[in-house]
């Protein structure tokens, strides 16, 4: 296995991980921003008010995006395993 192949596989792995994590992180960021704005406007500084909705929205987003995420991950895994003949030869 050449260093170029290892670097390419690592790059593909990182890109796939970033692609899978980005939608959930974006949803969490937007919800956090909205909650923080609401807390500043109402002067409510309770940690539970910020944490519970964020966790709920992230759980819902993960549940909704799970089929898409699994398809992407399965495609990546199949591509990775199908490409091993190149690495071994």
PDB file of N, CA and C in Angstrom:
ATOM      1  N   UNK A   1       0.860  -1.170   0.000  1.00  0.00           N
ATOM      2  CA  UNK A   1       0.000   0.000   0.000  1.00  0.00           C
ATOM      3  C   UNK A   1       0.908   1.235   0.000  1.00  0.00           C
ATOM      4  N   UNK A   2       0.708   2.075  -0.978  1.00  0.00           N
ATOM      5  CA  UNK A   2       1.556   3.259  -1.100  1.00  0.00           C
ATOM      6  C   UNK A   2       1.027   4.380  -0.208  1.00  0.00           C
ATOM      7  N   UNK A   3       1.881   5.325   0.124  1.00  0.00           N
ATOM      8  CA  UNK A   3       1.428   6.457   0.941  1.00  0.00           C
ATOM      9  C   UNK A   3       0.315   7.280   0.269  1.00  0.00           C
ATOM     10  N   UNK A   4       0.336   7.335  -1.050  1.00  0.00           N
ATOM     11  CA  UNK A   4      -0.699   8.089  -1.764  1.00  0.00           C
ATOM     12  C   UNK A   4      -2.076   7.466  -1.557  1.00  0.00           C
ATOM     13  N   UNK A   5      -2.111   6.141  -1.573  1.00  0.00           N
ATOM     14  CA  UNK A   5      -3.383   5.438  -1.374  1.00  0.00           C
ATOM     15  C   UNK A   5      -3.888   5.663   0.049  1.00  0.00           C
ATOM     16  N   UNK A   6      -2.977   5.614   1.012  1.00  0.00           N
ATOM     17  CA  UNK A   6      -3.362   5.833   2.408  1.00  0.00           C
ATOM     18  C   UNK A   6      -3.898   7.245   2.601  1.00  0.00           C
ATOM     19  N   UNK A   7      -3.231   8.218   2.009  1.00  0.00           N
ATOM     20  CA  UNK A   7      -3.678   9.608   2.123  1.00  0.00           C
ATOM     21  C   UNK A   7      -5.041   9.784   1.465  1.00  0.00           C
ATOM     22  N   UNK A   8      -5.238   9.168   0.304  1.00  0.00           N
ATOM     23  CA  UNK A   8      -6.528   9.272  -0.377  1.00  0.00           C
ATOM     24  C   UNK A   8      -7.643   8.636   0.448  1.00  0.00           C
ATOM     25  N   UNK A   9      -7.375   7.466   1.036  1.00  0.00           N
ATOM     26  CA  UNK A   9      -8.385   6.807   1.863  1.00  0.00           C
ATOM     27  C   UNK A   9      -8.702   7.643   3.104  1.00  0.00           C
ATOM     28  N   UNK A  10      -7.676   8.214   3.720  1.00  0.00           N
ATOM     29  CA  UNK A  10      -7.899   9.065   4.892  1.00  0.00           C
ATOM     30  C   UNK A  10      -8.696  10.305   4.515  1.00  0.00           C
ATOM     31  N   UNK A  11      -8.397  10.888   3.366  1.00  0.00           N
ATOM     32  CA  UNK A  11      -9.117  12.074   2.907  1.00  0.00           C
ATOM     33  C   UNK A  11     -10.590  11.746   2.651  1.00  0.00           C
ATOM     34  N   UNK A  12     -10.848  10.621   1.988  1.00  0.00           N
ATOM     35  CA  UNK A  12     -12.231  10.215   1.728  1.00  0.00           C
ATOM     36  C   UNK A  12     -12.984   9.943   3.031  1.00  0.00           C
ATOM     37  N   UNK A  13     -12.297   9.352   3.995  1.00  0.00           N
ATOM     38  CA  UNK A  13     -12.927   9.079   5.286  1.00  0.00           C
ATOM     39  C   UNK A  13     -13.289  10.369   6.004  1.00  0.00           C
ATOM     40  N   UNK A  14     -12.379  11.338   6.014  1.00  0.00           N
ATOM     41  CA  UNK A  14     -12.648  12.611   6.679  1.00  0.00           C
ATOM     42  C   UNK A  14     -13.760  13.392   5.978  1.00  0.00           C
ATOM     43  N   UNK A  15     -13.765  13.368   4.657  1.00  0.00           N
ATOM     44  CA  UNK A  15     -14.824  14.066   3.917  1.00  0.00           C
ATOM     45  C   UNK A  15     -16.181  13.441   4.206  1.00  0.00           C
ATOM     46  N   UNK A  16     -16.233  12.122   4.249  1.00  0.00           N
ATOM     47  CA  UNK A  16     -17.494  11.436   4.546  1.00  0.00           C
ATOM     48  C   UNK A  16     -17.960  11.742   5.961  1.00  0.00           C
ATOM     49  N   UNK A  17     -17.044  11.731   6.919  1.00  0.00           N
ATOM     50  CA  UNK A  17     -17.408  12.050   8.301  1.00  0.00           C
ATOM     51  C   UNK A  17     -17.919  13.481   8.410  1.00  0.00           C
ATOM     52  N   UNK A  18     -17.267  14.400   7.732  1.00  0.00           N
ATOM     53  CA  UNK A  18     -17.712  15.790   7.740  1.00  0.00           C
ATOM     54  C   UNK A  18     -19.072  15.940   7.080  1.00  0.00           C
ATOM     55  N   UNK A  19     -19.286  15.238   5.987  1.00  0.00           N
ATOM     56  CA  UNK A  19     -20.567  15.290   5.289  1.00  0.00           C
ATOM     57  C   UNK A  19     -21.700  14.758   6.162  1.00  0.00           C
ATOM     58  N   UNK A  20     -21.430  13.713   6.939  1.00  0.00           N
ATOM     59  CA  UNK A  20     -22.456  13.138   7.804  1.00  0.00           C
ATOM     60  C   UNK A  20     -22.726  13.997   9.034  1.00  0.00           C
ATOM     61  N   UNK A  21     -21.717  14.672   9.538  1.00  0.00           N
ATOM     62  CA  UNK A  21     -21.884  15.458  10.765  1.00  0.00           C
ATOM     63  C   UNK A  21     -22.422  16.861  10.513  1.00  0.00           C
ATOM     64  N   UNK A  22     -22.205  17.412   9.341  1.00  0.00           N
ATOM     65  CA  UNK A  22     -22.564  18.800   9.068  1.00  0.00           C
ATOM     66  C   UNK A  22     -24.044  19.121   9.269  1.00  0.00           C
ATOM     67  N   UNK A  23     -24.994  18.339   8.765  1.00  0.00           N
ATOM     68  CA  UNK A  23     -26.397  18.715   8.956  1.00  0.00           C
ATOM     69  C   UNK A  23     -26.816  18.770  10.429  1.00  0.00           C
ATOM     70  N   UNK A  24     -26.354  17.818  11.216  1.00  0.00           N
ATOM     71  CA  UNK A  24     -26.740  17.803  12.629  1.00  0.00           C
ATOM     72  C   UNK A  24     -26.089  18.961  13.368  1.00  0.00           C
ATOM     73  N   UNK A  25     -24.827  19.242  13.065  1.00  0.00           N
ATOM     74  CA  UNK A  25     -24.160  20.372  13.699  1.00  0.00           C
ATOM     75  C   UNK A  25     -24.790  21.698  13.294  1.00  0.00           C
ATOM     76  N   UNK A  26     -25.212  21.798  12.046  1.00  0.00           N
ATOM     77  CA  UNK A  26     -25.877  23.028  11.596  1.00  0.00           C
ATOM     78  C   UNK A  26     -27.202  23.235  12.319  1.00  0.00           C
ATOM     79  N   UNK A  27     -27.979  22.172  12.462  1.00  0.00           N
ATOM     80  CA  UNK A  27     -29.253  22.270  13.184  1.00  0.00           C
ATOM     81  C   UNK A  27     -29.006  22.670  14.639  1.00  0.00           C
ATOM     82  N   UNK A  28     -28.019  22.056  15.278  1.00  0.00           N
ATOM     83  CA  UNK A  28     -27.710  22.384  16.669  1.00  0.00           C
ATOM     84  C   UNK A  28     -27.257  23.830  16.814  1.00  0.00           C
ATOM     85  N   UNK A  29     -26.476  24.318  15.855  1.00  0.00           N
ATOM     86  CA  UNK A  29     -26.006  25.704  15.907  1.00  0.00           C
ATOM     87  C   UNK A  29     -27.149  26.695  15.747  1.00  0.00           C
ATOM     88  N   UNK A  30     -28.025  26.446  14.796  1.00  0.00           N
ATOM     89  CA  UNK A  30     -29.158  27.353  14.573  1.00  0.00           C
ATOM     90  C   UNK A  30     -30.084  27.373  15.790  1.00  0.00           C
ATOM     91  N   UNK A  31     -30.389  26.198  16.329  1.00  0.00           N
ATOM     92  CA  UNK A  31     -31.268  26.132  17.504  1.00  0.00           C
ATOM     93  C   UNK A  31     -30.621  26.813  18.700  1.00  0.00           C
ATOM     94  N   UNK A  32     -29.331  26.614  18.895  1.00  0.00           N
ATOM     95  CA  UNK A  32     -28.627  27.266  19.997  1.00  0.00           C
ATOM     96  C   UNK A  32     -28.660  28.781  19.857  1.00  0.00           C
ATOM     97  N   UNK A  33     -28.460  29.254  18.636  1.00  0.00           N
ATOM     98  CA  UNK A  33     -28.498  30.700  18.402  1.00  0.00           C
ATOM     99  C   UNK A  33     -29.881  31.268  18.704  1.00  0.00           C
ATOM    100  N   UNK A  34     -30.917  30.589  18.246  1.00  0.00           N
ATOM    101  CA  UNK A  34     -32.277  31.064  18.506  1.00  0.00           C
ATOM    102  C   UNK A  34     -32.614  31.034  19.997  1.00  0.00           C
ATOM    103  N   UNK A  35     -32.201  29.996  20.680  1.00  0.00           N
ATOM    104  CA  UNK A  35     -32.466  29.903  22.119  1.00  0.00           C
ATOM    105  C   UNK A  35     -31.703  30.981  22.871  1.00  0.00           C
ATOM    106  N   UNK A  36     -30.459  31.217  22.487  1.00  0.00           N
ATOM    107  CA  UNK A  36     -29.674  32.254  23.155  1.00  0.00           C
ATOM    108  C   UNK A  36     -30.258  33.642  22.928  1.00  0.00           C
ATOM    109  N   UNK A  37     -30.747  33.901  21.738  1.00  0.00           N
ATOM    110  CA  UNK A  37     -31.395  35.188  21.475  1.00  0.00           C
ATOM    111  C   UNK A  37     -32.650  35.335  22.330  1.00  0.00           C
ATOM    112  N   UNK A  38     -33.433  34.268  22.419  1.00  0.00           N
ATOM    113  CA  UNK A  38     -34.635  34.310  23.250  1.00  0.00           C
ATOM    114  C   UNK A  38     -34.273  34.502  24.724  1.00  0.00           C
ATOM    115  N   UNK A  39     -33.206  33.869  25.185  1.00  0.00           N
ATOM    116  CA  UNK A  39     -32.799  34.033  26.581  1.00  0.00           C
ATOM    117  C   UNK A  39     -32.320  35.447  26.862  1.00  0.00           C
ATOM    118  N   UNK A  40     -31.630  36.045  25.949  1.00  0.00           N
ATOM    119  CA  UNK A  40     -31.169  37.415  26.140  1.00  0.00           C
ATOM    120  C   UNK A  40     -32.350  38.376  26.167  1.00  0.00           C
ATOM    121  N   UNK A  41     -33.325  38.138  25.306  1.00  0.00           N
ATOM    122  CA  UNK A  41     -34.479  39.043  25.247  1.00  0.00           C
ATOM    123  C   UNK A  41     -35.368  38.906  26.473  1.00  0.00           C
ATOM    124  N   UNK A  42     -35.451  37.730  27.064  1.00  0.00           N
ATOM    125  CA  UNK A  42     -36.346  37.525  28.209  1.00  0.00           C
ATOM    126  C   UNK A  42     -35.613  37.515  29.546  1.00  0.00           C
ATOM    127  N   UNK A  43     -34.289  37.594  29.523  1.00  0.00           N
ATOM    128  CA  UNK A  43     -33.459  37.578  30.735  1.00  0.00           C
ATOM    129  C   UNK A  43     -33.624  36.291  31.539  1.00  0.00           C
ATOM    130  N   UNK A  44     -33.973  35.203  30.886  1.00  0.00           N
ATOM    131  CA  UNK A  44     -34.042  33.903  31.544  1.00  0.00           C
ATOM    132  C   UNK A  44     -32.713  33.206  31.302  1.00  0.00           C
ATOM    133  N   UNK A  45     -31.968  32.953  32.353  1.00  0.00           N
ATOM    134  CA  UNK A  45     -30.648  32.344  32.214  1.00  0.00           C
ATOM    135  C   UNK A  45     -30.600  30.937  32.813  1.00  0.00           C
ATOM    136  N   UNK A  46     -31.663  30.185  32.629  1.00  0.00           N
ATOM    137  CA  UNK A  46     -31.728  28.821  33.138  1.00  0.00           C
ATOM    138  C   UNK A  46     -31.057  27.874  32.138  1.00  0.00           C
ATOM    139  N   UNK A  47     -30.167  27.007  32.618  1.00  0.00           N
ATOM    140  CA  UNK A  47     -29.452  26.098  31.734  1.00  0.00           C
ATOM    141  C   UNK A  47     -30.372  25.050  31.121  1.00  0.00           C
ATOM    142  N   UNK A  48     -31.403  24.664  31.840  1.00  0.00           N
ATOM    143  CA  UNK A  48     -32.327  23.653  31.335  1.00  0.00           C
ATOM    144  C   UNK A  48     -33.079  24.163  30.112  1.00  0.00           C
ATOM    145  N   UNK A  49     -33.397  25.449  30.114  1.00  0.00           N
ATOM    146  CA  UNK A  49     -34.114  26.045  28.983  1.00  0.00           C
ATOM    147  C   UNK A  49     -33.262  25.973  27.721  1.00  0.00           C
ATOM    148  N   UNK A  50     -31.964  26.029  27.869  1.00  0.00           N
ATOM    149  CA  UNK A  50     -31.086  25.984  26.696  1.00  0.00           C
ATOM    150  C   UNK A  50     -30.765  24.551  26.281  1.00  0.00           C
ATOM    151  N   UNK A  51     -30.647  23.655  27.239  1.00  0.00           N
ATOM    152  CA  UNK A  51     -30.160  22.315  26.936  1.00  0.00           C
ATOM    153  C   UNK A  51     -31.239  21.384  26.404  1.00  0.00           C
ATOM    154  N   UNK A  52     -32.388  21.366  27.031  1.00  0.00           N
ATOM    155  CA  UNK A  52     -33.428  20.400  26.665  1.00  0.00           C
ATOM    156  C   UNK A  52     -33.928  20.592  25.233  1.00  0.00           C
ATOM    157  N   UNK A  53     -34.271  21.802  24.800  1.00  0.00           N
ATOM    158  CA  UNK A  53     -34.713  21.942  23.403  1.00  0.00           C
ATOM    159  C   UNK A  53     -33.618  21.589  22.391  1.00  0.00           C
ATOM    160  N   UNK A  54     -32.380  21.946  22.717  1.00  0.00           N
ATOM    161  CA  UNK A  54     -31.278  21.633  21.807  1.00  0.00           C
ATOM    162  C   UNK A  54     -31.119  20.120  21.667  1.00  0.00           C
ATOM    163  N   UNK A  55     -31.157  19.408  22.766  1.00  0.00           N
ATOM    164  CA  UNK A  55     -31.056  17.951  22.704  1.00  0.00           C
ATOM    165  C   UNK A  55     -32.224  17.340  21.944  1.00  0.00           C
ATOM    166  N   UNK A  56     -33.419  17.867  22.174  1.00  0.00           N
ATOM    167  CA  UNK A  56     -34.599  17.337  21.492  1.00  0.00           C
ATOM    168  C   UNK A  56     -34.509  17.554  19.978  1.00  0.00           C
ATOM    169  N   UNK A  57     -34.091  18.747  19.572  1.00  0.00           N
ATOM    170  CA  UNK A  57     -34.012  19.037  18.135  1.00  0.00           C
ATOM    171  C   UNK A  57     -32.908  18.220  17.480  1.00  0.00           C
ATOM    172  N   UNK A  58     -31.787  18.044  18.157  1.00  0.00           N
ATOM    173  CA  UNK A  58     -30.712  17.218  17.597  1.00  0.00           C
ATOM    174  C   UNK A  58     -31.162  15.764  17.480  1.00  0.00           C
ATOM    175  N   UNK A  59     -31.894  15.267  18.464  1.00  0.00           N
ATOM    176  CA  UNK A  59     -32.405  13.891  18.392  1.00  0.00           C
ATOM    177  C   UNK A  59     -33.384  13.740  17.240  1.00  0.00           C
ATOM    178  N   UNK A  60     -34.269  14.709  17.064  1.00  0.00           N
ATOM    179  CA  UNK A  60     -35.235  14.661  15.964  1.00  0.00           C
ATOM    180  C   UNK A  60     -34.520  14.741  14.617  1.00  0.00           C
ATOM    181  N   UNK A  61     -33.548  15.646  14.509  1.00  0.00           N
ATOM    182  CA  UNK A  61     -32.800  15.779  13.253  1.00  0.00           C
ATOM    183  C   UNK A  61     -32.041  14.498  12.934  1.00  0.00           C
ATOM    184  N   UNK A  62     -31.453  13.878  13.938  1.00  0.00           N
ATOM    185  CA  UNK A  62     -30.743  12.620  13.721  1.00  0.00           C
ATOM    186  C   UNK A  62     -31.705  11.531  13.270  1.00  0.00           C
ATOM    187  N   UNK A  63     -32.861  11.468  13.904  1.00  0.00           N
ATOM    188  CA  UNK A  63     -33.864  10.462  13.537  1.00  0.00           C
ATOM    189  C   UNK A  63     -34.347  10.670  12.104  1.00  0.00           C
ATOM    190  N   UNK A  64     -34.575  11.920  11.716  1.00  0.00           N
ATOM    191  CA  UNK A  64     -35.065  12.216  10.365  1.00  0.00           C
ATOM    192  C   UNK A  64     -33.989  11.944   9.315  1.00  0.00           C
ATOM    193  N   UNK A  65     -32.742  12.282   9.631  1.00  0.00           N
ATOM    194  CA  UNK A  65     -31.660  12.139   8.650  1.00  0.00           C
ATOM    195  C   UNK A  65     -30.989  10.774   8.672  1.00  0.00           C
ATOM    196  N   UNK A  66     -31.388   9.904   9.576  1.00  0.00           N
ATOM    197  CA  UNK A  66     -30.737   8.612   9.717  1.00  0.00           C
ATOM    198  C   UNK A  66     -30.764   7.773   8.437  1.00  0.00           C
ATOM    199  N   UNK A  67     -31.871   7.685   7.700  1.00  0.00           N
ATOM    200  CA  UNK A  67     -31.830   6.888   6.454  1.00  0.00           C
ATOM    201  C   UNK A  67     -30.812   7.417   5.443  1.00  0.00           C
ATOM    202  N   UNK A  68     -30.759   8.731   5.282  1.00  0.00           N
ATOM    203  CA  UNK A  68     -29.793   9.342   4.373  1.00  0.00           C
ATOM    204  C   UNK A  68     -28.366   9.083   4.842  1.00  0.00           C
ATOM    205  N   UNK A  69     -28.138   9.242   6.137  1.00  0.00           N
ATOM    206  CA  UNK A  69     -26.805   9.026   6.694  1.00  0.00           C
ATOM    207  C   UNK A  69     -26.364   7.572   6.519  1.00  0.00           C
ATOM    208  N   UNK A  70     -27.282   6.641   6.746  1.00  0.00           N
ATOM    209  CA  UNK A  70     -26.946   5.228   6.576  1.00  0.00           C
ATOM    210  C   UNK A  70     -26.645   4.887   5.119  1.00  0.00           C
ATOM    211  N   UNK A  71     -27.413   5.461   4.180  1.00  0.00           N
ATOM    212  CA  UNK A  71     -27.131   5.228   2.758  1.00  0.00           C
ATOM    213  C   UNK A  71     -25.747   5.740   2.379  1.00  0.00           C
ATOM    214  N   UNK A  72     -25.404   6.943   2.840  1.00  0.00           N
ATOM    215  CA  UNK A  72     -24.079   7.506   2.556  1.00  0.00           C
ATOM    216  C   UNK A  72     -22.980   6.647   3.168  1.00  0.00           C
ATOM    217  N   UNK A  73     -23.177   6.214   4.403  1.00  0.00           N
ATOM    218  CA  UNK A  73     -22.176   5.409   5.082  1.00  0.00           C
ATOM    219  C   UNK A  73     -22.035   4.037   4.430  1.00  0.00           C
ATOM    220  N   UNK A  74     -23.141   3.436   4.012  1.00  0.00           N
ATOM    221  CA  UNK A  74     -23.073   2.149   3.326  1.00  0.00           C
ATOM    222  C   UNK A  74     -22.382   2.284   1.974  1.00  0.00           C
ATOM    223  N   UNK A  75     -22.691   3.357   1.253  1.00  0.00           N
ATOM    224  CA  UNK A  75     -22.022   3.598  -0.028  1.00  0.00           C
ATOM    225  C   UNK A  75     -20.528   3.786   0.139  1.00  0.00           C
ATOM    226  N   UNK A  76     -20.141   4.526   1.168  1.00  0.00           N
ATOM    227  CA  UNK A  76     -18.727   4.730   1.440  1.00  0.00           C
ATOM    228  C   UNK A  76     -18.044   3.414   1.805  1.00  0.00           C
ATOM    229  N   UNK A  77     -18.690   2.618   2.642  1.00  0.00           N
ATOM    230  CA  UNK A  77     -18.113   1.341   3.066  1.00  0.00           C
ATOM    231  C   UNK A  77     -17.965   0.395   1.888  1.00  0.00           C
ATOM    232  N   UNK A  78     -18.983   0.313   1.044  1.00  0.00           N
ATOM    233  CA  UNK A  78     -18.907  -0.550  -0.139  1.00  0.00           C
ATOM    234  C   UNK A  78     -17.793  -0.088  -1.071  1.00  0.00           C
ATOM    235  N   UNK A  79     -17.691   1.228  -1.265  1.00  0.00           N
ATOM    236  CA  UNK A  79     -16.625   1.784  -2.112  1.00  0.00           C
ATOM    237  C   UNK A  79     -15.253   1.473  -1.517  1.00  0.00           C
ATOM    238  N   UNK A  80     -15.125   1.599  -0.212  1.00  0.00           N
ATOM    239  CA  UNK A  80     -13.852   1.343   0.454  1.00  0.00           C
ATOM    240  C   UNK A  80     -13.460  -0.126   0.354  1.00  0.00           C
ATOM    241  N   UNK A  81     -14.410  -1.028   0.623  1.00  0.00           N
ATOM    242  CA  UNK A  81     -14.099  -2.454   0.570  1.00  0.00           C
ATOM    243  C   UNK A  81     -13.898  -2.959  -0.848  1.00  0.00           C
ATOM    244  N   UNK A  82     -14.590  -2.368  -1.821  1.00  0.00           N
ATOM    245  CA  UNK A  82     -14.433  -2.772  -3.204  1.00  0.00           C
ATOM    246  C   UNK A  82     -13.097  -2.310  -3.773  1.00  0.00           C
ATOM    247  N   UNK A  83     -12.501  -1.323  -3.151  1.00  0.00           N
ATOM    248  CA  UNK A  83     -11.254  -0.737  -3.637  1.00  0.00           C
ATOM    249  C   UNK A  83     -10.021  -1.411  -3.036  1.00  0.00           C
ATOM    250  N   UNK A  84     -10.200  -2.430  -2.195  1.00  0.00           N
ATOM    251  CA  UNK A  84      -9.057  -3.037  -1.548  1.00  0.00           C
ATOM    252  C   UNK A  84      -8.170  -3.844  -2.486  1.00  0.00           C
ATOM    253  N   UNK A  85      -8.691  -4.296  -3.613  1.00  0.00           N
ATOM    254  CA  UNK A  85      -7.841  -5.018  -4.551  1.00  0.00           C
ATOM    255  C   UNK A  85      -6.694  -4.144  -5.024  1.00  0.00           C
ATOM    256  N   UNK A  86      -6.944  -2.854  -5.118  1.00  0.00           N
ATOM    257  CA  UNK A  86      -5.922  -1.894  -5.534  1.00  0.00           C
ATOM    258  C   UNK A  86      -4.851  -1.760  -4.438  1.00  0.00           C
ATOM    259  N   UNK A  87      -5.274  -1.847  -3.181  1.00  0.00           N
ATOM    260  CA  UNK A  87      -4.349  -1.660  -2.069  1.00  0.00           C
ATOM    261  C   UNK A  87      -3.459  -2.886  -1.868  1.00  0.00           C
ATOM    262  N   UNK A  88      -3.991  -4.056  -2.120  1.00  0.00           N
ATOM    263  CA  UNK A  88      -3.237  -5.268  -1.853  1.00  0.00           C
ATOM    264  C   UNK A  88      -2.277  -5.631  -2.974  1.00  0.00           C
ATOM    265  N   UNK A  89      -2.564  -5.152  -4.164  1.00  0.00           N
ATOM    266  CA  UNK A  89      -1.738  -5.539  -5.314  1.00  0.00           C
ATOM    267  C   UNK A  89      -0.533  -4.709  -5.523  1.00  0.00           C
TER     268      UNK A  89
END
